[in-house]
Amino acid sequence: MSNGCCGTEYINGEERHKKRSEEDKKDLLTRLKRIEGQVRGVQRMVEEDKYCPDILVQVSAITSALGAFNKILLNCHIKGCVAEDIKNGHEETIDELCEVLKKLMK
């Protein structure tokens, strides 16, 4: 993945969009599809009355995969979007980042 994910657009003053490179987008989507497959696997395990500890281990793997996804996206956001906004004088982005981090650390 590249260091930055910048290209943030402000539309109607609120709705924001992010232009990502094709490489970055492909990597993120591949990770999400893998996680989606893991969730489907857990669903099958429940439907097939698999042993609880086996399901719990799989759910833990999904949680770890989502955590790794968040770390990549957060890294991209800080190095790209946040850094670019600060350079452009939009220091309110720091407050937004702090709020996001509070939610992630619950």
C-alpha atoms as a PDB file:
ATOM      1  CA  MET A   1       0.000   0.000   0.000  1.00  0.00           C
ATOM      2  CA  SER A   2       1.144   3.526  -0.580  1.00  0.00           C
ATOM      3  CA  ASN A   3       1.797   5.872   2.340  1.00  0.00           C
ATOM      4  CA  GLY A   4      -1.003   8.272   1.566  1.00  0.00           C
ATOM      5  CA  CYS A   5      -4.643   7.946   0.759  1.00  0.00           C
ATOM      6  CA  CYS A   6      -5.281  11.590   0.001  1.00  0.00           C
ATOM      7  CA  GLY A   7      -7.651  13.061  -2.437  1.00  0.00           C
ATOM      8  CA  THR A   8     -10.332  13.900   0.105  1.00  0.00           C
ATOM      9  CA  GLU A   9     -13.253  15.772  -1.391  1.00  0.00           C
ATOM     10  CA  TYR A  10     -15.804  17.822   0.510  1.00  0.00           C
ATOM     11  CA  ILE A  11     -19.224  17.714  -1.113  1.00  0.00           C
ATOM     12  CA  ASN A  12     -22.074  19.889   0.169  1.00  0.00           C
ATOM     13  CA  GLY A  13     -19.842  20.726   3.093  1.00  0.00           C
ATOM     14  CA  GLU A  14     -20.419  17.354   4.748  1.00  0.00           C
ATOM     15  CA  GLU A  15     -20.272  14.201   2.668  1.00  0.00           C
ATOM     16  CA  ARG A  16     -16.673  13.229   2.114  1.00  0.00           C
ATOM     17  CA  HIS A  17     -15.161  10.895  -0.411  1.00  0.00           C
ATOM     18  CA  LYS A  18     -11.683   9.487  -0.697  1.00  0.00           C
ATOM     19  CA  LYS A  19      -9.862   8.721  -3.917  1.00  0.00           C
ATOM     20  CA  ARG A  20      -7.644   5.684  -3.428  1.00  0.00           C
ATOM     21  CA  SER A  21      -5.122   4.186  -5.772  1.00  0.00           C
ATOM     22  CA  GLU A  22      -6.232   1.031  -7.544  1.00  0.00           C
ATOM     23  CA  GLU A  23      -3.556  -0.900  -5.629  1.00  0.00           C
ATOM     24  CA  ASP A  24      -4.780   0.367  -2.257  1.00  0.00           C
ATOM     25  CA  LYS A  25      -8.421  -0.256  -3.131  1.00  0.00           C
ATOM     26  CA  LYS A  26      -7.653  -3.789  -4.342  1.00  0.00           C
ATOM     27  CA  ASP A  27      -5.745  -4.602  -1.145  1.00  0.00           C
ATOM     28  CA  LEU A  28      -8.505  -3.294   1.131  1.00  0.00           C
ATOM     29  CA  LEU A  29     -11.249  -5.078  -0.810  1.00  0.00           C
ATOM     30  CA  THR A  30      -9.274  -8.347  -0.834  1.00  0.00           C
ATOM     31  CA  ARG A  31      -8.967  -8.173   2.932  1.00  0.00           C
ATOM     32  CA  LEU A  32     -12.688  -7.448   3.347  1.00  0.00           C
ATOM     33  CA  LYS A  33     -13.662 -10.327   1.056  1.00  0.00           C
ATOM     34  CA  ARG A  34     -11.446 -12.669   3.064  1.00  0.00           C
ATOM     35  CA  ILE A  35     -13.134 -11.495   6.277  1.00  0.00           C
ATOM     36  CA  GLU A  36     -16.545 -11.926   4.648  1.00  0.00           C
ATOM     37  CA  GLY A  37     -15.617 -15.529   3.839  1.00  0.00           C
ATOM     38  CA  GLN A  38     -14.550 -16.096   7.429  1.00  0.00           C
ATOM     39  CA  VAL A  39     -17.899 -14.762   8.693  1.00  0.00           C
ATOM     40  CA  ARG A  40     -19.761 -17.077   6.320  1.00  0.00           C
ATOM     41  CA  GLY A  41     -17.676 -19.948   7.656  1.00  0.00           C
ATOM     42  CA  VAL A  42     -18.719 -19.120  11.215  1.00  0.00           C
ATOM     43  CA  GLN A  43     -22.339 -18.914  10.104  1.00  0.00           C
ATOM     44  CA  ARG A  44     -22.035 -22.429   8.660  1.00  0.00           C
ATOM     45  CA  MET A  45     -20.439 -23.635  11.866  1.00  0.00           C
ATOM     46  CA  VAL A  46     -23.402 -22.350  13.873  1.00  0.00           C
ATOM     47  CA  GLU A  47     -25.878 -23.886  11.408  1.00  0.00           C
ATOM     48  CA  GLU A  48     -24.040 -27.209  11.704  1.00  0.00           C
ATOM     49  CA  ASP A  49     -23.974 -27.076  15.527  1.00  0.00           C
ATOM     50  CA  LYS A  50     -20.174 -27.106  15.693  1.00  0.00           C
ATOM     51  CA  TYR A  51     -18.423 -27.113  19.058  1.00  0.00           C
ATOM     52  CA  CYS A  52     -18.465 -23.680  20.766  1.00  0.00           C
ATOM     53  CA  PRO A  53     -14.692 -23.368  21.311  1.00  0.00           C
ATOM     54  CA  ASP A  54     -14.088 -24.049  17.614  1.00  0.00           C
ATOM     55  CA  ILE A  55     -16.477 -21.221  16.707  1.00  0.00           C
ATOM     56  CA  LEU A  56     -14.905 -18.899  19.275  1.00  0.00           C
ATOM     57  CA  VAL A  57     -11.452 -19.450  17.750  1.00  0.00           C
ATOM     58  CA  GLN A  58     -12.792 -18.537  14.322  1.00  0.00           C
ATOM     59  CA  VAL A  59     -14.522 -15.428  15.674  1.00  0.00           C
ATOM     60  CA  SER A  60     -11.225 -14.420  17.288  1.00  0.00           C
ATOM     61  CA  ALA A  61      -9.511 -14.765  13.893  1.00  0.00           C
ATOM     62  CA  ILE A  62     -12.167 -12.495  12.351  1.00  0.00           C
ATOM     63  CA  THR A  63     -11.674  -9.933  15.111  1.00  0.00           C
ATOM     64  CA  SER A  64      -7.914  -9.956  14.468  1.00  0.00           C
ATOM     65  CA  ALA A  65      -8.430  -9.590  10.721  1.00  0.00           C
ATOM     66  CA  LEU A  66     -10.737  -6.599  11.251  1.00  0.00           C
ATOM     67  CA  GLY A  67      -8.184  -5.070  13.603  1.00  0.00           C
ATOM     68  CA  ALA A  68      -5.462  -5.443  10.962  1.00  0.00           C
ATOM     69  CA  PHE A  69      -7.775  -3.860   8.371  1.00  0.00           C
ATOM     70  CA  ASN A  70      -8.402  -0.910  10.703  1.00  0.00           C
ATOM     71  CA  LYS A  71      -4.665  -0.436  11.314  1.00  0.00           C
ATOM     72  CA  ILE A  72      -3.972  -0.260   7.573  1.00  0.00           C
ATOM     73  CA  LEU A  73      -6.830   2.163   6.944  1.00  0.00           C
ATOM     74  CA  LEU A  74      -5.900   4.335   9.932  1.00  0.00           C
ATOM     75  CA  ASN A  75      -2.266   4.458   8.801  1.00  0.00           C
ATOM     76  CA  CYS A  76      -3.403   5.525   5.351  1.00  0.00           C
ATOM     77  CA  HIS A  77      -5.726   8.147   6.799  1.00  0.00           C
ATOM     78  CA  ILE A  78      -3.084   9.689   9.078  1.00  0.00           C
ATOM     79  CA  LYS A  79      -0.237   9.699   6.545  1.00  0.00           C
ATOM     80  CA  GLY A  80      -2.464  10.891   3.735  1.00  0.00           C
ATOM     81  CA  CYS A  81      -5.681  12.657   4.613  1.00  0.00           C
ATOM     82  CA  VAL A  82      -4.743  14.075   8.018  1.00  0.00           C
ATOM     83  CA  ALA A  83      -1.257  15.180   6.975  1.00  0.00           C
ATOM     84  CA  GLU A  84      -2.602  16.840   3.826  1.00  0.00           C
ATOM     85  CA  ASP A  85      -5.409  18.594   5.708  1.00  0.00           C
ATOM     86  CA  ILE A  86      -2.946  19.957   8.283  1.00  0.00           C
ATOM     87  CA  LYS A  87      -0.652  21.218   5.504  1.00  0.00           C
ATOM     88  CA  ASN A  88      -3.679  22.983   4.011  1.00  0.00           C
ATOM     89  CA  GLY A  89      -4.579  24.640   7.314  1.00  0.00           C
ATOM     90  CA  HIS A  90      -7.526  22.383   8.192  1.00  0.00           C
ATOM     91  CA  GLU A  91      -6.466  21.705  11.764  1.00  0.00           C
ATOM     92  CA  GLU A  92      -9.998  20.616  12.733  1.00  0.00           C
ATOM     93  CA  THR A  93      -8.951  17.301  11.187  1.00  0.00           C
ATOM     94  CA  ILE A  94      -6.919  16.666  14.348  1.00  0.00           C
ATOM     95  CA  ASP A  95     -10.096  16.871  16.449  1.00  0.00           C
ATOM     96  CA  GLU A  96     -11.825  14.513  14.032  1.00  0.00           C
ATOM     97  CA  LEU A  97      -8.916  12.049  14.304  1.00  0.00           C
ATOM     98  CA  CYS A  98      -9.055  12.213  18.111  1.00  0.00           C
ATOM     99  CA  GLU A  99     -12.787  11.393  18.024  1.00  0.00           C
ATOM    100  CA  VAL A 100     -12.172   8.460  15.678  1.00  0.00           C
ATOM    101  CA  LEU A 101      -9.425   7.134  17.945  1.00  0.00           C
ATOM    102  CA  LYS A 102     -11.739   7.362  20.978  1.00  0.00           C
ATOM    103  CA  LYS A 103     -14.298   5.234  19.136  1.00  0.00           C
ATOM    104  CA  LEU A 104     -11.674   2.711  18.036  1.00  0.00           C
ATOM    105  CA  MET A 105     -10.312   2.332  21.558  1.00  0.00           C
ATOM    106  CA  LYS A 106     -13.612   1.496  23.264  1.00  0.00           C
END
